[in-house]
Protein backbone atom coordinates (compact mmCIF):
# COMPACT_ATOMS: atom_id res chain seq x y z
CA UNK A 1 0.11 -0.21 0.05
CA UNK A 2 1.08 3.26 -0.81
CA UNK A 3 1.22 6.35 1.14
CA UNK A 4 -1.14 8.20 -1.22
CA UNK A 5 -3.47 5.39 -0.74
CA UNK A 6 -3.11 5.57 2.89
CA UNK A 7 -3.66 9.06 3.06
CA UNK A 8 -6.78 8.60 0.79
CA UNK A 9 -8.10 6.03 2.79
CA UNK A 10 -7.70 8.22 6.23
CA UNK A 11 -9.46 11.12 4.60
CA UNK A 12 -12.16 8.73 3.22
CA UNK A 13 -12.65 7.46 6.82
CA UNK A 14 -12.46 10.84 8.38
CA UNK A 15 -15.04 12.16 5.86
CA UNK A 16 -17.24 9.23 6.42
CA UNK A 17 -16.95 9.96 10.13
CA UNK A 18 -17.72 13.44 9.74
CA UNK A 19 -20.78 12.62 7.38
CA UNK A 20 -21.98 10.03 10.02
CA UNK A 21 -21.60 12.65 12.87
CA UNK A 22 -23.52 15.14 10.81
CA UNK A 23 -26.42 12.71 10.05
CA UNK A 24 -26.65 11.52 13.57
CA UNK A 25 -26.38 15.31 14.75
CA UNK A 26 -29.17 16.17 12.29
CA UNK A 27 -31.49 13.23 13.45
CA UNK A 28 -30.61 14.27 17.06
CA UNK A 29 -31.53 17.89 16.37
CA UNK A 30 -34.64 16.88 14.46
CA UNK A 31 -35.78 14.97 17.44
CA UNK A 32 -34.99 17.81 19.87
CA UNK A 33 -37.19 20.05 17.49
CA UNK A 34 -39.95 17.83 17.42
CA UNK A 35 -39.93 17.51 21.24
CA UNK A 36 -39.61 21.29 21.27
CA UNK A 37 -42.77 21.49 18.88
CA UNK A 38 -44.72 19.43 21.48
CA UNK A 39 -43.53 21.28 24.42
CA UNK A 40 -44.64 24.48 22.55
CA UNK A 41 -47.93 23.15 21.55
CA UNK A 42 -48.38 21.90 25.12
CA UNK A 43 -47.60 25.15 26.75
CA UNK A 44 -49.71 26.95 24.48
CA UNK A 45 -52.73 24.72 25.54
CA UNK A 46 -51.90 25.42 29.23
CA UNK A 47 -51.65 29.05 28.41
CA UNK A 48 -54.99 29.25 26.93
CA UNK A 49 -56.63 27.38 29.78
CA UNK A 50 -54.71 29.49 32.21
CA UNK A 51 -56.00 32.63 30.52
CA UNK A 52 -59.67 31.35 30.70
CA UNK A 53 -58.94 30.71 34.41
CA UNK A 54 -57.57 33.99 34.96
CA UNK A 55 -60.70 35.75 33.29
CA UNK A 56 -63.00 33.63 35.49
CA UNK A 57 -60.94 34.64 38.60
CA UNK A 58 -61.49 38.34 37.66
CA UNK A 59 -65.32 37.59 37.18
CA UNK A 60 -65.09 36.16 40.76
CA UNK A 61 -62.92 39.04 42.46
CA UNK A 62 -65.58 41.32 41.11
CA UNK A 63 -68.37 39.44 42.59
CA UNK A 64 -66.57 38.94 46.06
CA UNK A 65 -65.86 42.75 46.06
CA UNK A 66 -69.72 43.39 45.30
CA UNK A 67 -70.65 40.99 48.09
CA UNK A 68 -68.28 42.49 50.62
CA UNK A 69 -69.61 46.02 49.85
CA UNK A 70 -73.11 44.69 50.36
CA UNK A 71 -71.96 43.37 53.94
CA UNK A 72 -70.22 46.56 54.54
CA UNK A 73 -73.23 48.67 53.70
CA UNK A 74 -75.66 46.35 55.85
CA UNK A 75 -73.13 46.44 58.76
CA UNK A 76 -73.20 50.39 58.55
CA UNK A 77 -76.88 50.44 58.53
CA UNK A 78 -77.04 48.19 61.44
CA UNK A 79 -74.59 50.04 63.19
CA UNK A 80 -76.56 53.45 62.76
CA UNK A 81 -79.65 51.45 63.77
CA UNK A 82 -77.97 50.37 66.89
CA UNK A 83 -76.72 54.02 67.75
CA UNK A 84 -80.29 55.03 67.34
CA UNK A 85 -81.56 52.25 69.51
CA UNK A 86 -79.03 52.98 72.17
CA UNK A 87 -80.04 56.61 72.17
CA UNK A 88 -83.75 55.61 72.75
CA UNK A 89 -82.91 53.20 75.45
CA UNK A 90 -80.78 56.15 77.25
CA UNK A 91 -83.76 58.18 77.34
CA UNK A 92 -85.93 55.29 78.64
CA UNK A 93 -83.36 54.67 80.99
CA UNK A 94 -83.26 58.32 82.39
CA UNK A 95 -87.07 58.29 82.80
CA UNK A 96 -86.90 54.94 84.85
CA UNK A 97 -84.53 56.45 86.85
CA UNK A 98 -86.37 59.45 87.36
CA UNK A 99 -89.33 57.41 88.38
CA UNK A 100 -87.14 55.43 90.67
CA UNK A 101 -85.73 58.73 92.46
CA UNK A 102 -89.48 60.15 93.08
CA UNK A 103 -90.31 56.61 94.51
CA UNK A 104 -87.52 56.68 96.69
CA UNK A 105 -87.77 60.21 97.87
CA UNK A 106 -91.63 60.22 97.98
CA UNK A 107 -93.21 61.22 101.37
CA UNK A 108 -94.11 58.25 103.66
CA UNK A 109 -97.73 57.47 104.07
CA UNK A 110 -99.28 56.98 107.35
CA UNK A 111 -100.30 53.48 107.83
CA UNK A 112 -104.01 54.37 108.10
CA UNK A 113 -103.70 55.77 104.53
CA UNK A 114 -101.66 53.25 102.93
CA UNK A 115 -104.24 51.00 101.45
CA UNK A 116 -106.04 54.13 99.77
CA UNK A 117 -102.56 55.48 98.40
CA UNK A 118 -101.74 52.03 96.94
CA UNK A 119 -105.24 51.95 95.20
CA UNK A 120 -104.80 55.51 93.89
CA UNK A 121 -101.29 54.59 92.41
CA UNK A 122 -102.57 51.44 90.88
CA UNK A 123 -105.23 53.40 88.97
CA UNK A 124 -102.90 56.06 87.95
CA UNK A 125 -100.39 53.32 86.76
CA UNK A 126 -103.16 51.62 84.76
CA UNK A 127 -104.12 54.88 83.28
CA UNK A 128 -100.72 55.45 82.45
CA UNK A 129 -99.96 52.24 80.71
CA UNK A 130 -103.30 52.46 78.67
CA UNK A 131 -102.04 55.80 77.48
CA UNK A 132 -104.70 57.70 79.05
CA UNK A 133 -101.89 60.02 80.74
CA UNK A 134 -99.12 61.25 78.94
CA UNK A 135 -97.03 62.98 81.66
CA UNK A 136 -95.35 59.90 82.71
CA UNK A 137 -95.68 60.41 86.29
CA UNK A 138 -97.92 59.01 88.96
CA UNK A 139 -99.42 61.60 91.04
CA UNK A 140 -100.91 60.07 93.87
CA UNK A 141 -99.74 61.54 96.95
CA UNK A 142 -102.04 61.44 99.82
CA UNK A 143 -101.90 64.24 102.25
CA UNK A 144 -101.27 63.37 105.91
């Protein structure tokens, strides 16, 4: 074998190796490209699903905000009503306290007039509860 033949043979082997490498590399790259195309398609599908979910989430958030606004408005109304009720209750408490003070500071009735005084107070109370008297006091002091 001559040197020229050996050199040609080595060059042919090297060229075949490069050709085989290029073929294998092209096959590998086409496989990677197909995998990437599949990944892109899968991600686009996932992206479409997530966009739909995001739109639904935005609708849900708006619904929750509306519901919370309704609850806050109702709580403010209840609070306003409670303040008004407390004001009315304070007035009623003051009237009852005044009645209690009148009772505690009333003149003592002598034993012989106690029965008549009690009957008069009961009659006054019944008139007051029926709404016949508007002055909110019981005037049944018996003179000693």
